[in-house]
Amino acid sequence: MEAMDVPAEGRSGDETPLTAFDDAVREFGPDHILIGLRSSEHADWQELGLVDAVRERFRISVTVFEIDPEGHVPGTGA
């Protein structure tokens, strides 16, 4: 986020992704959710159906981006 000059904050949450989103939405009351996921070739159980579940449960705008194994967002230079 810093590389894109976008102010953001966050914390570590529950190890179950949807529970972590539930907790964060209750605490922060966001109007937009930004989700960074491992690239599809490195995805694991945590990513399965997550984006659809978040969109359905919270009914707010969601943006998703992939993070490569080195921690970079492909195509952004970050």
C-alpha atoms as a PDB file:
ATOM      1  CA  MET A   1       0.000   0.000   0.000  1.00  0.00           C
ATOM      2  CA  GLU A   2       2.871   2.352   0.782  1.00  0.00           C
ATOM      3  CA  ALA A   3       4.343   1.773  -2.689  1.00  0.00           C
ATOM      4  CA  MET A   4       1.018   2.916  -4.169  1.00  0.00           C
ATOM      5  CA  ASP A   5       0.941   5.939  -1.818  1.00  0.00           C
ATOM      6  CA  VAL A   6      -2.338   4.794  -0.280  1.00  0.00           C
ATOM      7  CA  PRO A   7      -2.911   5.252   3.448  1.00  0.00           C
ATOM      8  CA  ALA A   8      -4.010   2.024   5.125  1.00  0.00           C
ATOM      9  CA  GLU A   9      -3.939   0.261   8.437  1.00  0.00           C
ATOM     10  CA  GLY A  10      -4.591  -3.250   9.590  1.00  0.00           C
ATOM     11  CA  ARG A  11      -3.856  -5.974  12.088  1.00  0.00           C
ATOM     12  CA  SER A  12      -3.465  -9.706  12.213  1.00  0.00           C
ATOM     13  CA  GLY A  13      -6.744 -11.486  12.796  1.00  0.00           C
ATOM     14  CA  ASP A  14      -8.178 -14.910  13.358  1.00  0.00           C
ATOM     15  CA  GLU A  15      -6.509 -17.763  11.480  1.00  0.00           C
ATOM     16  CA  THR A  16      -9.808 -18.551   9.738  1.00  0.00           C
ATOM     17  CA  PRO A  17     -10.084 -15.893   7.012  1.00  0.00           C
ATOM     18  CA  LEU A  18     -13.852 -15.339   7.062  1.00  0.00           C
ATOM     19  CA  THR A  19     -13.819 -15.025  10.865  1.00  0.00           C
ATOM     20  CA  ALA A  20     -11.006 -12.481  10.560  1.00  0.00           C
ATOM     21  CA  PHE A  21     -13.112 -10.493   8.076  1.00  0.00           C
ATOM     22  CA  ASP A  22     -16.137 -10.655  10.403  1.00  0.00           C
ATOM     23  CA  ASP A  23     -14.066  -9.286  13.279  1.00  0.00           C
ATOM     24  CA  ALA A  24     -12.503  -6.531  11.168  1.00  0.00           C
ATOM     25  CA  VAL A  25     -15.774  -5.386   9.624  1.00  0.00           C
ATOM     26  CA  ARG A  26     -17.347  -5.124  13.086  1.00  0.00           C
ATOM     27  CA  GLU A  27     -14.341  -3.198  14.427  1.00  0.00           C
ATOM     28  CA  PHE A  28     -13.575  -0.873  11.499  1.00  0.00           C
ATOM     29  CA  GLY A  29     -16.940  -0.527   9.692  1.00  0.00           C
ATOM     30  CA  PRO A  30     -15.277  -0.281   6.247  1.00  0.00           C
ATOM     31  CA  ASP A  31     -16.987   0.892   3.074  1.00  0.00           C
ATOM     32  CA  HIS A  32     -14.545  -1.104   0.933  1.00  0.00           C
ATOM     33  CA  ILE A  33     -12.573  -4.318   1.469  1.00  0.00           C
ATOM     34  CA  LEU A  34      -9.175  -4.882  -0.129  1.00  0.00           C
ATOM     35  CA  ILE A  35      -8.073  -8.530  -0.283  1.00  0.00           C
ATOM     36  CA  GLY A  36      -4.526  -9.592  -1.137  1.00  0.00           C
ATOM     37  CA  LEU A  37      -4.323 -13.275  -2.058  1.00  0.00           C
ATOM     38  CA  ARG A  38      -1.510 -15.628  -2.919  1.00  0.00           C
ATOM     39  CA  SER A  39      -1.263 -16.231  -6.653  1.00  0.00           C
ATOM     40  CA  SER A  40      -3.446 -19.067  -7.928  1.00  0.00           C
ATOM     41  CA  GLU A  41      -0.506 -21.446  -8.292  1.00  0.00           C
ATOM     42  CA  HIS A  42       0.339 -20.917  -4.595  1.00  0.00           C
ATOM     43  CA  ALA A  43      -3.201 -20.737  -3.198  1.00  0.00           C
ATOM     44  CA  ASP A  44      -4.290 -23.012  -0.368  1.00  0.00           C
ATOM     45  CA  TRP A  45      -7.508 -23.764   1.529  1.00  0.00           C
ATOM     46  CA  GLN A  46      -7.740 -20.189   2.844  1.00  0.00           C
ATOM     47  CA  GLU A  47      -8.491 -18.791  -0.616  1.00  0.00           C
ATOM     48  CA  LEU A  48     -11.147 -21.335  -1.631  1.00  0.00           C
ATOM     49  CA  GLY A  49     -14.441 -19.453  -2.020  1.00  0.00           C
ATOM     50  CA  LEU A  50     -13.222 -16.611   0.185  1.00  0.00           C
ATOM     51  CA  VAL A  51     -13.882 -13.707  -2.177  1.00  0.00           C
ATOM     52  CA  ASP A  52     -17.412 -14.884  -2.997  1.00  0.00           C
ATOM     53  CA  ALA A  53     -18.152 -15.442   0.700  1.00  0.00           C
ATOM     54  CA  VAL A  54     -16.886 -11.958   1.625  1.00  0.00           C
ATOM     55  CA  ARG A  55     -18.920 -10.309  -1.140  1.00  0.00           C
ATOM     56  CA  GLU A  56     -22.075 -12.192  -0.150  1.00  0.00           C
ATOM     57  CA  ARG A  57     -21.738 -11.685   3.593  1.00  0.00           C
ATOM     58  CA  PHE A  58     -20.802  -8.000   3.726  1.00  0.00           C
ATOM     59  CA  ARG A  59     -22.401  -6.561   0.582  1.00  0.00           C
ATOM     60  CA  ILE A  60     -19.781  -3.826   0.206  1.00  0.00           C
ATOM     61  CA  SER A  61     -17.251  -3.113  -2.517  1.00  0.00           C
ATOM     62  CA  VAL A  62     -14.359  -5.612  -2.706  1.00  0.00           C
ATOM     63  CA  THR A  63     -11.067  -5.284  -4.596  1.00  0.00           C
ATOM     64  CA  VAL A  64      -8.835  -8.348  -4.967  1.00  0.00           C
ATOM     65  CA  PHE A  65      -5.169  -8.502  -5.967  1.00  0.00           C
ATOM     66  CA  GLU A  66      -2.599 -11.286  -6.124  1.00  0.00           C
ATOM     67  CA  ILE A  67       0.698 -11.381  -4.260  1.00  0.00           C
ATOM     68  CA  ASP A  68       3.541 -13.410  -5.766  1.00  0.00           C
ATOM     69  CA  PRO A  69       5.791 -15.703  -3.676  1.00  0.00           C
ATOM     70  CA  GLU A  70       8.279 -12.857  -3.199  1.00  0.00           C
ATOM     71  CA  GLY A  71       5.574 -10.614  -1.710  1.00  0.00           C
ATOM     72  CA  HIS A  72       5.115  -8.401  -4.778  1.00  0.00           C
ATOM     73  CA  VAL A  73       1.976  -7.427  -6.648  1.00  0.00           C
ATOM     74  CA  PRO A  74       2.575  -8.395 -10.279  1.00  0.00           C
ATOM     75  CA  GLY A  75       2.314  -5.533 -12.756  1.00  0.00           C
ATOM     76  CA  THR A  76       2.594  -2.716 -10.179  1.00  0.00           C
ATOM     77  CA  GLY A  77       6.316  -2.555  -9.567  1.00  0.00           C
ATOM     78  CA  ALA A  78       5.496  -2.971  -5.866  1.00  0.00           C
END
